[in-house]
Amino acid sequence: MPDMRKTRTDHEIFQAFQNLLERKSFSEITMIEIAREAQVHRNTVYKHFVDKYDLLRKFVSRELSHHAELMTIFATQPFKAIAGLYQFGLSDLIKRQSADSEFNLIVQESAVRLLYLRNENDEILWNLGAISSIFLWNDLHHHKLDLVADYETLDKIYQTKQFPQPNKTLNPD
């Protein structure tokens, strides 16, 4: 019975946290506000989560774990996996919180940790470096490939380890 109560309380706190994230910047949210929104005592929130950063890490891990199939393809098609995640509810929060550097850093770190733990392979860290390089290349060359619409092209760059020439058409074929 205690496990069910903890699960239910976690769910209520996560839901309250998500509601607040939809209205406010992560940096502005306090644990007291989370407790009020969840209609629980603030000590209850602290029993479940160390602080709002711990809450955000666990929230992101929970949301990403609902999409295990995308985590599985990440090793070979990372941009397809990322594009898939953007089609789910977490993408709206990421867009809403895009100006909050604390939020972005914790979301990225949480995603990397989850990927690493699922793959249990240090190579995933090198792969993340390659993905970052592709994003940087895209910005530097003003191609502005769209993460969702152009994921096939981005995956081709990742798989072949070759950037298209700046004056060439960027298409996956």
N, C-alpha and C. Protein backbone atom coordinates (compact mmCIF):
# COMPACT_ATOMS: atom_id res chain seq x y z
N MET A 1 0.80 -1.21 0.00
CA MET A 1 0.00 0.00 0.00
C MET A 1 0.85 1.28 0.00
N PRO A 2 1.94 1.35 0.76
CA PRO A 2 2.74 2.57 0.75
C PRO A 2 3.30 2.91 -0.64
N ASP A 3 3.62 1.89 -1.44
CA ASP A 3 4.14 2.14 -2.78
C ASP A 3 3.08 2.82 -3.65
N MET A 4 1.84 2.41 -3.52
CA MET A 4 0.75 3.03 -4.29
C MET A 4 0.57 4.49 -3.87
N ARG A 5 0.67 4.75 -2.58
CA ARG A 5 0.51 6.10 -2.07
C ARG A 5 1.65 6.99 -2.58
N LYS A 6 2.87 6.46 -2.56
CA LYS A 6 4.02 7.21 -3.05
C LYS A 6 3.86 7.49 -4.54
N THR A 7 3.45 6.49 -5.29
CA THR A 7 3.25 6.65 -6.73
C THR A 7 2.19 7.70 -7.01
N ARG A 8 1.09 7.65 -6.29
CA ARG A 8 0.01 8.62 -6.48
C ARG A 8 0.48 10.03 -6.11
N THR A 9 1.22 10.16 -5.01
CA THR A 9 1.72 11.47 -4.60
C THR A 9 2.73 12.00 -5.61
N ASP A 10 3.63 11.14 -6.08
CA ASP A 10 4.58 11.55 -7.13
C ASP A 10 3.83 12.06 -8.35
N HIS A 11 2.80 11.34 -8.74
CA HIS A 11 2.01 11.74 -9.92
C HIS A 11 1.38 13.12 -9.70
N GLU A 12 0.82 13.33 -8.52
CA GLU A 12 0.19 14.63 -8.23
C GLU A 12 1.23 15.75 -8.25
N ILE A 13 2.40 15.49 -7.70
CA ILE A 13 3.46 16.51 -7.69
C ILE A 13 3.95 16.76 -9.11
N PHE A 14 4.17 15.70 -9.89
CA PHE A 14 4.59 15.87 -11.29
C PHE A 14 3.56 16.68 -12.07
N GLN A 15 2.28 16.38 -11.89
CA GLN A 15 1.23 17.10 -12.60
C GLN A 15 1.22 18.57 -12.20
N ALA A 16 1.34 18.84 -10.91
CA ALA A 16 1.39 20.22 -10.43
C ALA A 16 2.60 20.95 -11.00
N PHE A 17 3.72 20.27 -11.02
CA PHE A 17 4.95 20.84 -11.56
C PHE A 17 4.78 21.17 -13.04
N GLN A 18 4.21 20.25 -13.79
CA GLN A 18 3.98 20.47 -15.21
C GLN A 18 3.04 21.67 -15.42
N ASN A 19 2.00 21.75 -14.63
CA ASN A 19 1.07 22.89 -14.73
C ASN A 19 1.80 24.21 -14.49
N LEU A 20 2.67 24.23 -13.50
CA LEU A 20 3.44 25.45 -13.23
C LEU A 20 4.40 25.77 -14.37
N LEU A 21 5.05 24.74 -14.91
CA LEU A 21 5.98 24.95 -16.03
C LEU A 21 5.28 25.51 -17.26
N GLU A 22 4.01 25.21 -17.40
CA GLU A 22 3.24 25.73 -18.53
C GLU A 22 2.90 27.21 -18.35
N ARG A 23 2.97 27.69 -17.11
CA ARG A 23 2.61 29.09 -16.82
C ARG A 23 3.79 29.97 -16.45
N LYS A 24 4.85 29.36 -15.90
CA LYS A 24 5.95 30.16 -15.36
C LYS A 24 7.28 29.59 -15.81
N SER A 25 8.29 30.42 -15.72
CA SER A 25 9.65 29.99 -15.98
C SER A 25 10.11 29.08 -14.84
N PHE A 26 10.86 28.03 -15.18
CA PHE A 26 11.37 27.11 -14.17
C PHE A 26 12.11 27.85 -13.05
N SER A 27 12.92 28.82 -13.42
CA SER A 27 13.72 29.57 -12.43
C SER A 27 12.86 30.30 -11.42
N GLU A 28 11.63 30.63 -11.78
CA GLU A 28 10.73 31.36 -10.89
C GLU A 28 9.91 30.46 -9.97
N ILE A 29 9.88 29.18 -10.26
CA ILE A 29 9.04 28.24 -9.50
C ILE A 29 9.74 27.86 -8.20
N THR A 30 8.96 27.80 -7.12
CA THR A 30 9.50 27.40 -5.82
C THR A 30 8.85 26.09 -5.37
N MET A 31 9.49 25.44 -4.44
CA MET A 31 8.93 24.20 -3.89
C MET A 31 7.61 24.47 -3.17
N ILE A 32 7.48 25.63 -2.57
CA ILE A 32 6.23 25.98 -1.89
C ILE A 32 5.09 26.08 -2.91
N GLU A 33 5.37 26.69 -4.07
CA GLU A 33 4.35 26.77 -5.12
C GLU A 33 3.96 25.39 -5.62
N ILE A 34 4.95 24.53 -5.76
CA ILE A 34 4.68 23.17 -6.22
C ILE A 34 3.77 22.46 -5.23
N ALA A 35 4.06 22.61 -3.94
CA ALA A 35 3.23 21.99 -2.90
C ALA A 35 1.80 22.53 -2.95
N ARG A 36 1.67 23.85 -3.07
CA ARG A 36 0.32 24.44 -3.16
C ARG A 36 -0.45 23.91 -4.37
N GLU A 37 0.24 23.88 -5.51
CA GLU A 37 -0.41 23.42 -6.75
C GLU A 37 -0.83 21.95 -6.64
N ALA A 38 0.00 21.15 -5.96
CA ALA A 38 -0.30 19.72 -5.79
C ALA A 38 -1.26 19.47 -4.63
N GLN A 39 -1.52 20.50 -3.87
CA GLN A 39 -2.38 20.42 -2.68
C GLN A 39 -1.85 19.42 -1.67
N VAL A 40 -0.53 19.53 -1.44
CA VAL A 40 0.12 18.73 -0.41
C VAL A 40 0.99 19.66 0.43
N HIS A 41 1.38 19.20 1.58
CA HIS A 41 2.26 19.99 2.45
C HIS A 41 3.65 20.04 1.82
N ARG A 42 4.35 21.15 2.02
CA ARG A 42 5.68 21.26 1.39
C ARG A 42 6.64 20.19 1.90
N ASN A 43 6.47 19.73 3.14
CA ASN A 43 7.31 18.64 3.64
C ASN A 43 7.11 17.36 2.82
N THR A 44 5.90 17.16 2.33
CA THR A 44 5.63 16.00 1.49
C THR A 44 6.43 16.08 0.20
N VAL A 45 6.48 17.27 -0.38
CA VAL A 45 7.26 17.45 -1.61
C VAL A 45 8.73 17.14 -1.32
N TYR A 46 9.23 17.64 -0.19
CA TYR A 46 10.63 17.40 0.17
C TYR A 46 10.91 15.94 0.53
N LYS A 47 9.91 15.19 0.97
CA LYS A 47 10.10 13.76 1.22
C LYS A 47 10.31 13.00 -0.10
N HIS A 48 9.71 13.51 -1.16
CA HIS A 48 9.78 12.84 -2.45
C HIS A 48 10.92 13.34 -3.33
N PHE A 49 11.28 14.63 -3.17
CA PHE A 49 12.29 15.24 -4.03
C PHE A 49 13.19 16.16 -3.20
N VAL A 50 14.47 16.11 -3.45
CA VAL A 50 15.44 16.91 -2.69
C VAL A 50 15.17 18.41 -2.89
N ASP A 51 14.96 18.79 -4.14
CA ASP A 51 14.71 20.18 -4.50
C ASP A 51 14.06 20.22 -5.87
N LYS A 52 13.84 21.40 -6.40
CA LYS A 52 13.15 21.50 -7.70
C LYS A 52 14.01 20.97 -8.84
N TYR A 53 15.32 20.97 -8.66
CA TYR A 53 16.22 20.43 -9.68
C TYR A 53 16.10 18.91 -9.74
N ASP A 54 16.03 18.29 -8.57
CA ASP A 54 15.81 16.84 -8.49
C ASP A 54 14.45 16.49 -9.09
N LEU A 55 13.46 17.30 -8.80
CA LEU A 55 12.11 17.09 -9.34
C LEU A 55 12.14 17.17 -10.87
N LEU A 56 12.82 18.17 -11.42
CA LEU A 56 12.90 18.31 -12.87
C LEU A 56 13.62 17.12 -13.49
N ARG A 57 14.73 16.68 -12.90
CA ARG A 57 15.45 15.51 -13.43
C ARG A 57 14.56 14.28 -13.48
N LYS A 58 13.84 14.04 -12.40
CA LYS A 58 12.97 12.87 -12.34
C LYS A 58 11.76 13.02 -13.25
N PHE A 59 11.27 14.23 -13.40
CA PHE A 59 10.16 14.50 -14.31
C PHE A 59 10.57 14.19 -15.75
N VAL A 60 11.72 14.69 -16.15
CA VAL A 60 12.21 14.46 -17.52
C VAL A 60 12.46 12.97 -17.74
N SER A 61 13.09 12.31 -16.79
CA SER A 61 13.35 10.87 -16.92
C SER A 61 12.05 10.09 -17.07
N ARG A 62 11.06 10.47 -16.29
CA ARG A 62 9.75 9.81 -16.38
C ARG A 62 9.12 10.03 -17.75
N GLU A 63 9.15 11.27 -18.24
CA GLU A 63 8.56 11.58 -19.53
C GLU A 63 9.28 10.84 -20.66
N LEU A 64 10.61 10.84 -20.62
CA LEU A 64 11.37 10.16 -21.67
C LEU A 64 11.21 8.65 -21.60
N SER A 65 11.04 8.10 -20.41
CA SER A 65 10.90 6.65 -20.30
C SER A 65 9.61 6.15 -20.93
N HIS A 66 8.63 7.03 -21.12
CA HIS A 66 7.39 6.65 -21.81
C HIS A 66 7.63 6.40 -23.29
N HIS A 67 8.81 6.78 -23.78
CA HIS A 67 9.11 6.66 -25.20
C HIS A 67 10.37 5.82 -25.41
N ALA A 68 10.35 4.64 -24.82
CA ALA A 68 11.51 3.75 -24.87
C ALA A 68 11.90 3.39 -26.30
N GLU A 69 10.92 3.28 -27.19
CA GLU A 69 11.23 2.92 -28.58
C GLU A 69 12.11 3.98 -29.24
N LEU A 70 11.92 5.23 -28.87
CA LEU A 70 12.77 6.30 -29.43
C LEU A 70 14.18 6.24 -28.84
N MET A 71 14.27 5.85 -27.59
CA MET A 71 15.58 5.70 -26.97
C MET A 71 16.36 4.57 -27.62
N THR A 72 15.65 3.55 -28.07
CA THR A 72 16.30 2.40 -28.70
C THR A 72 16.92 2.77 -30.05
N ILE A 73 16.23 3.58 -30.84
CA ILE A 73 16.77 3.94 -32.16
C ILE A 73 17.80 5.06 -32.09
N PHE A 74 17.96 5.66 -30.93
CA PHE A 74 18.86 6.81 -30.81
C PHE A 74 20.28 6.50 -31.26
N ALA A 75 20.77 5.32 -31.00
CA ALA A 75 22.15 4.98 -31.34
C ALA A 75 22.41 5.05 -32.85
N THR A 76 21.41 4.72 -33.66
CA THR A 76 21.62 4.71 -35.12
C THR A 76 20.94 5.88 -35.83
N GLN A 77 19.85 6.36 -35.28
CA GLN A 77 19.11 7.46 -35.89
C GLN A 77 18.76 8.51 -34.83
N PRO A 78 19.75 9.20 -34.32
CA PRO A 78 19.49 10.12 -33.21
C PRO A 78 18.53 11.26 -33.56
N PHE A 79 18.60 11.75 -34.78
CA PHE A 79 17.74 12.88 -35.13
C PHE A 79 16.29 12.45 -35.33
N LYS A 80 16.08 11.22 -35.76
CA LYS A 80 14.72 10.69 -35.84
C LYS A 80 14.16 10.54 -34.42
N ALA A 81 15.00 10.08 -33.50
CA ALA A 81 14.57 9.94 -32.10
C ALA A 81 14.24 11.30 -31.50
N ILE A 82 15.09 12.28 -31.73
CA ILE A 82 14.86 13.62 -31.20
C ILE A 82 13.58 14.21 -31.80
N ALA A 83 13.42 14.05 -33.11
CA ALA A 83 12.22 14.55 -33.78
C ALA A 83 10.97 13.88 -33.21
N GLY A 84 11.07 12.58 -32.92
CA GLY A 84 9.95 11.86 -32.33
C GLY A 84 9.59 12.40 -30.96
N LEU A 85 10.61 12.72 -30.16
CA LEU A 85 10.35 13.27 -28.83
C LEU A 85 9.67 14.63 -28.92
N TYR A 86 10.01 15.39 -29.95
CA TYR A 86 9.40 16.70 -30.11
C TYR A 86 7.92 16.61 -30.46
N GLN A 87 7.46 15.46 -30.90
CA GLN A 87 6.06 15.31 -31.24
C GLN A 87 5.21 14.98 -30.02
N PHE A 88 5.85 14.80 -28.88
CA PHE A 88 5.12 14.48 -27.66
C PHE A 88 5.04 15.71 -26.76
N GLY A 89 4.32 15.61 -25.68
CA GLY A 89 4.05 16.74 -24.79
C GLY A 89 5.26 17.46 -24.23
N LEU A 90 6.36 16.80 -24.07
CA LEU A 90 7.54 17.43 -23.49
C LEU A 90 8.06 18.56 -24.38
N SER A 91 7.83 18.45 -25.67
CA SER A 91 8.33 19.48 -26.58
C SER A 91 7.67 20.83 -26.32
N ASP A 92 6.39 20.84 -25.95
CA ASP A 92 5.72 22.11 -25.64
C ASP A 92 6.36 22.78 -24.44
N LEU A 93 6.70 21.99 -23.43
CA LEU A 93 7.37 22.55 -22.26
C LEU A 93 8.76 23.05 -22.61
N ILE A 94 9.47 22.30 -23.44
CA ILE A 94 10.82 22.71 -23.84
C ILE A 94 10.75 24.04 -24.59
N LYS A 95 9.78 24.18 -25.47
CA LYS A 95 9.61 25.44 -26.20
C LYS A 95 9.26 26.57 -25.23
N ARG A 96 8.35 26.29 -24.33
CA ARG A 96 7.90 27.31 -23.36
C ARG A 96 9.05 27.76 -22.47
N GLN A 97 9.94 26.84 -22.13
CA GLN A 97 11.04 27.12 -21.21
C GLN A 97 12.35 27.43 -21.94
N SER A 98 12.31 27.65 -23.24
CA SER A 98 13.54 27.79 -24.03
C SER A 98 14.47 28.90 -23.56
N ALA A 99 13.94 29.93 -22.95
CA ALA A 99 14.78 31.04 -22.47
C ALA A 99 15.38 30.78 -21.10
N ASP A 100 14.95 29.71 -20.45
CA ASP A 100 15.44 29.42 -19.09
C ASP A 100 16.64 28.48 -19.18
N SER A 101 17.83 29.01 -18.97
CA SER A 101 19.06 28.22 -19.13
C SER A 101 19.16 27.10 -18.10
N GLU A 102 18.68 27.32 -16.87
CA GLU A 102 18.70 26.25 -15.86
C GLU A 102 17.87 25.06 -16.32
N PHE A 103 16.68 25.34 -16.81
CA PHE A 103 15.79 24.30 -17.30
C PHE A 103 16.45 23.52 -18.43
N ASN A 104 16.97 24.24 -19.42
CA ASN A 104 17.58 23.59 -20.59
C ASN A 104 18.75 22.71 -20.20
N LEU A 105 19.59 23.19 -19.32
CA LEU A 105 20.75 22.42 -18.89
C LEU A 105 20.34 21.12 -18.20
N ILE A 106 19.36 21.21 -17.33
CA ILE A 106 18.91 20.02 -16.59
C ILE A 106 18.20 19.03 -17.52
N VAL A 107 17.41 19.53 -18.46
CA VAL A 107 16.73 18.65 -19.42
C VAL A 107 17.77 17.91 -20.25
N GLN A 108 18.76 18.63 -20.76
CA GLN A 108 19.79 17.99 -21.58
C GLN A 108 20.57 16.96 -20.76
N GLU A 109 20.97 17.34 -19.57
CA GLU A 109 21.73 16.41 -18.71
C GLU A 109 20.89 15.17 -18.39
N SER A 110 19.63 15.35 -18.11
CA SER A 110 18.75 14.22 -17.79
C SER A 110 18.60 13.29 -18.98
N ALA A 111 18.44 13.85 -20.16
CA ALA A 111 18.31 13.04 -21.37
C ALA A 111 19.59 12.26 -21.63
N VAL A 112 20.73 12.91 -21.48
CA VAL A 112 22.02 12.24 -21.69
C VAL A 112 22.21 11.11 -20.69
N ARG A 113 21.90 11.37 -19.43
CA ARG A 113 22.02 10.31 -18.41
C ARG A 113 21.13 9.12 -18.73
N LEU A 114 19.90 9.39 -19.13
CA LEU A 114 18.97 8.30 -19.45
C LEU A 114 19.48 7.51 -20.65
N LEU A 115 19.94 8.19 -21.67
CA LEU A 115 20.50 7.50 -22.84
C LEU A 115 21.69 6.65 -22.45
N TYR A 116 22.56 7.20 -21.64
CA TYR A 116 23.74 6.46 -21.21
C TYR A 116 23.34 5.22 -20.41
N LEU A 117 22.43 5.36 -19.48
CA LEU A 117 22.01 4.23 -18.65
C LEU A 117 21.30 3.16 -19.47
N ARG A 118 20.55 3.56 -20.47
CA ARG A 118 19.85 2.58 -21.32
C ARG A 118 20.80 1.83 -22.22
N ASN A 119 21.84 2.52 -22.69
CA ASN A 119 22.79 1.89 -23.61
C ASN A 119 23.96 1.24 -22.89
N GLU A 120 24.24 1.68 -21.66
CA GLU A 120 25.37 1.18 -20.88
C GLU A 120 26.61 1.03 -21.75
N ASN A 121 26.90 2.09 -22.49
CA ASN A 121 28.01 2.06 -23.42
C ASN A 121 28.59 3.47 -23.48
N ASP A 122 29.89 3.58 -23.21
CA ASP A 122 30.53 4.89 -23.23
C ASP A 122 30.52 5.52 -24.61
N GLU A 123 30.34 4.72 -25.65
CA GLU A 123 30.33 5.25 -27.01
C GLU A 123 29.21 6.26 -27.21
N ILE A 124 28.13 6.13 -26.46
CA ILE A 124 27.01 7.07 -26.61
C ILE A 124 27.48 8.50 -26.32
N LEU A 125 28.46 8.65 -25.44
CA LEU A 125 28.98 9.98 -25.14
C LEU A 125 29.70 10.58 -26.34
N TRP A 126 30.46 9.75 -27.08
CA TRP A 126 31.09 10.22 -28.31
C TRP A 126 30.04 10.58 -29.34
N ASN A 127 28.99 9.77 -29.41
CA ASN A 127 27.91 10.03 -30.36
C ASN A 127 27.23 11.37 -30.06
N LEU A 128 27.08 11.68 -28.79
CA LEU A 128 26.48 12.96 -28.42
C LEU A 128 27.36 14.12 -28.87
N GLY A 129 28.67 13.92 -28.82
CA GLY A 129 29.59 14.93 -29.33
C GLY A 129 29.39 15.14 -30.83
N ALA A 130 29.19 14.05 -31.57
CA ALA A 130 28.96 14.14 -33.01
C ALA A 130 27.65 14.88 -33.30
N ILE A 131 26.64 14.59 -32.51
CA ILE A 131 25.34 15.26 -32.68
C ILE A 131 25.49 16.76 -32.42
N SER A 132 26.21 17.11 -31.37
CA SER A 132 26.45 18.53 -31.08
C SER A 132 27.20 19.20 -32.23
N SER A 133 28.14 18.48 -32.80
CA SER A 133 28.90 19.02 -33.94
C SER A 133 27.99 19.28 -35.14
N ILE A 134 27.04 18.42 -35.37
CA ILE A 134 26.11 18.59 -36.49
C ILE A 134 25.24 19.83 -36.25
N PHE A 135 24.77 19.99 -35.02
CA PHE A 135 24.00 21.19 -34.70
C PHE A 135 24.84 22.45 -34.92
N LEU A 136 26.07 22.43 -34.48
CA LEU A 136 26.96 23.58 -34.66
C LEU A 136 27.22 23.84 -36.14
N TRP A 137 27.49 22.78 -36.89
CA TRP A 137 27.70 22.92 -38.34
C TRP A 137 26.50 23.57 -39.00
N ASN A 138 25.32 23.12 -38.62
CA ASN A 138 24.08 23.66 -39.18
C ASN A 138 23.98 25.16 -38.92
N ASP A 139 24.30 25.57 -37.71
CA ASP A 139 24.26 27.00 -37.38
C ASP A 139 25.32 27.79 -38.13
N LEU A 140 26.53 27.27 -38.17
CA LEU A 140 27.64 27.99 -38.80
C LEU A 140 27.45 28.17 -40.30
N HIS A 141 26.79 27.23 -40.94
CA HIS A 141 26.60 27.29 -42.39
C HIS A 141 25.24 27.86 -42.80
N HIS A 142 24.50 28.33 -41.84
CA HIS A 142 23.21 28.99 -42.11
C HIS A 142 22.24 28.13 -42.90
N HIS A 143 22.39 26.81 -42.80
CA HIS A 143 21.45 25.93 -43.49
C HIS A 143 20.13 25.87 -42.74
N LYS A 144 20.23 25.97 -41.45
CA LYS A 144 19.05 25.95 -40.60
C LYS A 144 18.12 24.78 -40.93
N LEU A 145 18.71 23.60 -40.99
CA LEU A 145 17.89 22.40 -41.17
C LEU A 145 16.96 22.29 -39.98
N ASP A 146 15.73 22.01 -40.26
CA ASP A 146 14.74 21.89 -39.20
C ASP A 146 14.88 20.52 -38.53
N LEU A 147 14.92 20.52 -37.22
CA LEU A 147 15.13 19.30 -36.46
C LEU A 147 14.06 18.25 -36.74
N VAL A 148 12.85 18.67 -36.90
CA VAL A 148 11.76 17.71 -37.14
C VAL A 148 11.61 17.40 -38.62
N ALA A 149 11.53 18.41 -39.45
CA ALA A 149 11.28 18.19 -40.88
C ALA A 149 12.47 17.56 -41.61
N ASP A 150 13.68 17.86 -41.16
CA ASP A 150 14.88 17.41 -41.87
C ASP A 150 15.67 16.34 -41.12
N TYR A 151 15.01 15.60 -40.27
CA TYR A 151 15.74 14.62 -39.46
C TYR A 151 16.44 13.56 -40.32
N GLU A 152 15.87 13.20 -41.47
CA GLU A 152 16.52 12.19 -42.32
C GLU A 152 17.86 12.70 -42.84
N THR A 153 17.91 13.94 -43.25
CA THR A 153 19.16 14.54 -43.71
C THR A 153 20.17 14.61 -42.57
N LEU A 154 19.71 15.02 -41.41
CA LEU A 154 20.60 15.11 -40.25
C LEU A 154 21.13 13.73 -39.86
N ASP A 155 20.29 12.70 -39.93
CA ASP A 155 20.75 11.34 -39.64
C ASP A 155 21.75 10.86 -40.68
N LYS A 156 21.55 11.26 -41.92
CA LYS A 156 22.51 10.86 -42.97
C LYS A 156 23.88 11.49 -42.69
N ILE A 157 23.90 12.74 -42.30
CA ILE A 157 25.16 13.40 -41.93
C ILE A 157 25.81 12.64 -40.77
N TYR A 158 25.01 12.28 -39.79
CA TYR A 158 25.51 11.56 -38.61
C TYR A 158 26.08 10.19 -39.01
N GLN A 159 25.36 9.46 -39.85
CA GLN A 159 25.77 8.11 -40.22
C GLN A 159 26.99 8.09 -41.14
N THR A 160 27.05 9.04 -42.06
CA THR A 160 28.17 9.05 -43.02
C THR A 160 29.37 9.83 -42.50
N LYS A 161 29.16 10.62 -41.47
CA LYS A 161 30.21 11.48 -40.91
C LYS A 161 30.75 12.44 -41.96
N GLN A 162 29.86 12.87 -42.85
CA GLN A 162 30.23 13.81 -43.89
C GLN A 162 29.19 14.92 -43.96
N PHE A 163 29.70 16.14 -43.91
CA PHE A 163 28.83 17.30 -44.06
C PHE A 163 28.64 17.58 -45.54
N PRO A 164 27.44 17.94 -45.95
CA PRO A 164 27.23 18.33 -47.34
C PRO A 164 28.00 19.62 -47.64
N GLN A 165 28.34 19.80 -48.89
CA GLN A 165 29.00 21.04 -49.30
C GLN A 165 28.00 22.18 -49.13
N PRO A 166 28.45 23.36 -48.69
CA PRO A 166 27.53 24.46 -48.44
C PRO A 166 26.66 24.85 -49.63
N ASN A 167 27.16 24.68 -50.85
CA ASN A 167 26.39 25.08 -52.02
C ASN A 167 25.58 23.94 -52.63
N LYS A 168 25.62 22.76 -52.03
CA LYS A 168 24.88 21.60 -52.55
C LYS A 168 23.52 21.50 -51.87
N THR A 169 22.61 20.88 -52.56
CA THR A 169 21.27 20.64 -52.00
C THR A 169 21.38 19.64 -50.88
N LEU A 170 20.66 19.92 -49.80
CA LEU A 170 20.65 19.02 -48.65
C LEU A 170 19.41 18.15 -48.71
N ASN A 171 19.54 16.94 -49.22
CA ASN A 171 18.43 16.02 -49.15
C ASN A 171 18.97 14.62 -48.87
N PRO A 172 18.17 13.79 -48.23
CA PRO A 172 18.67 12.50 -47.74
C PRO A 172 19.03 11.50 -48.83
N ASP A 173 18.65 11.69 -50.07
CA ASP A 173 18.94 10.70 -51.12
C ASP A 173 20.23 10.96 -51.84
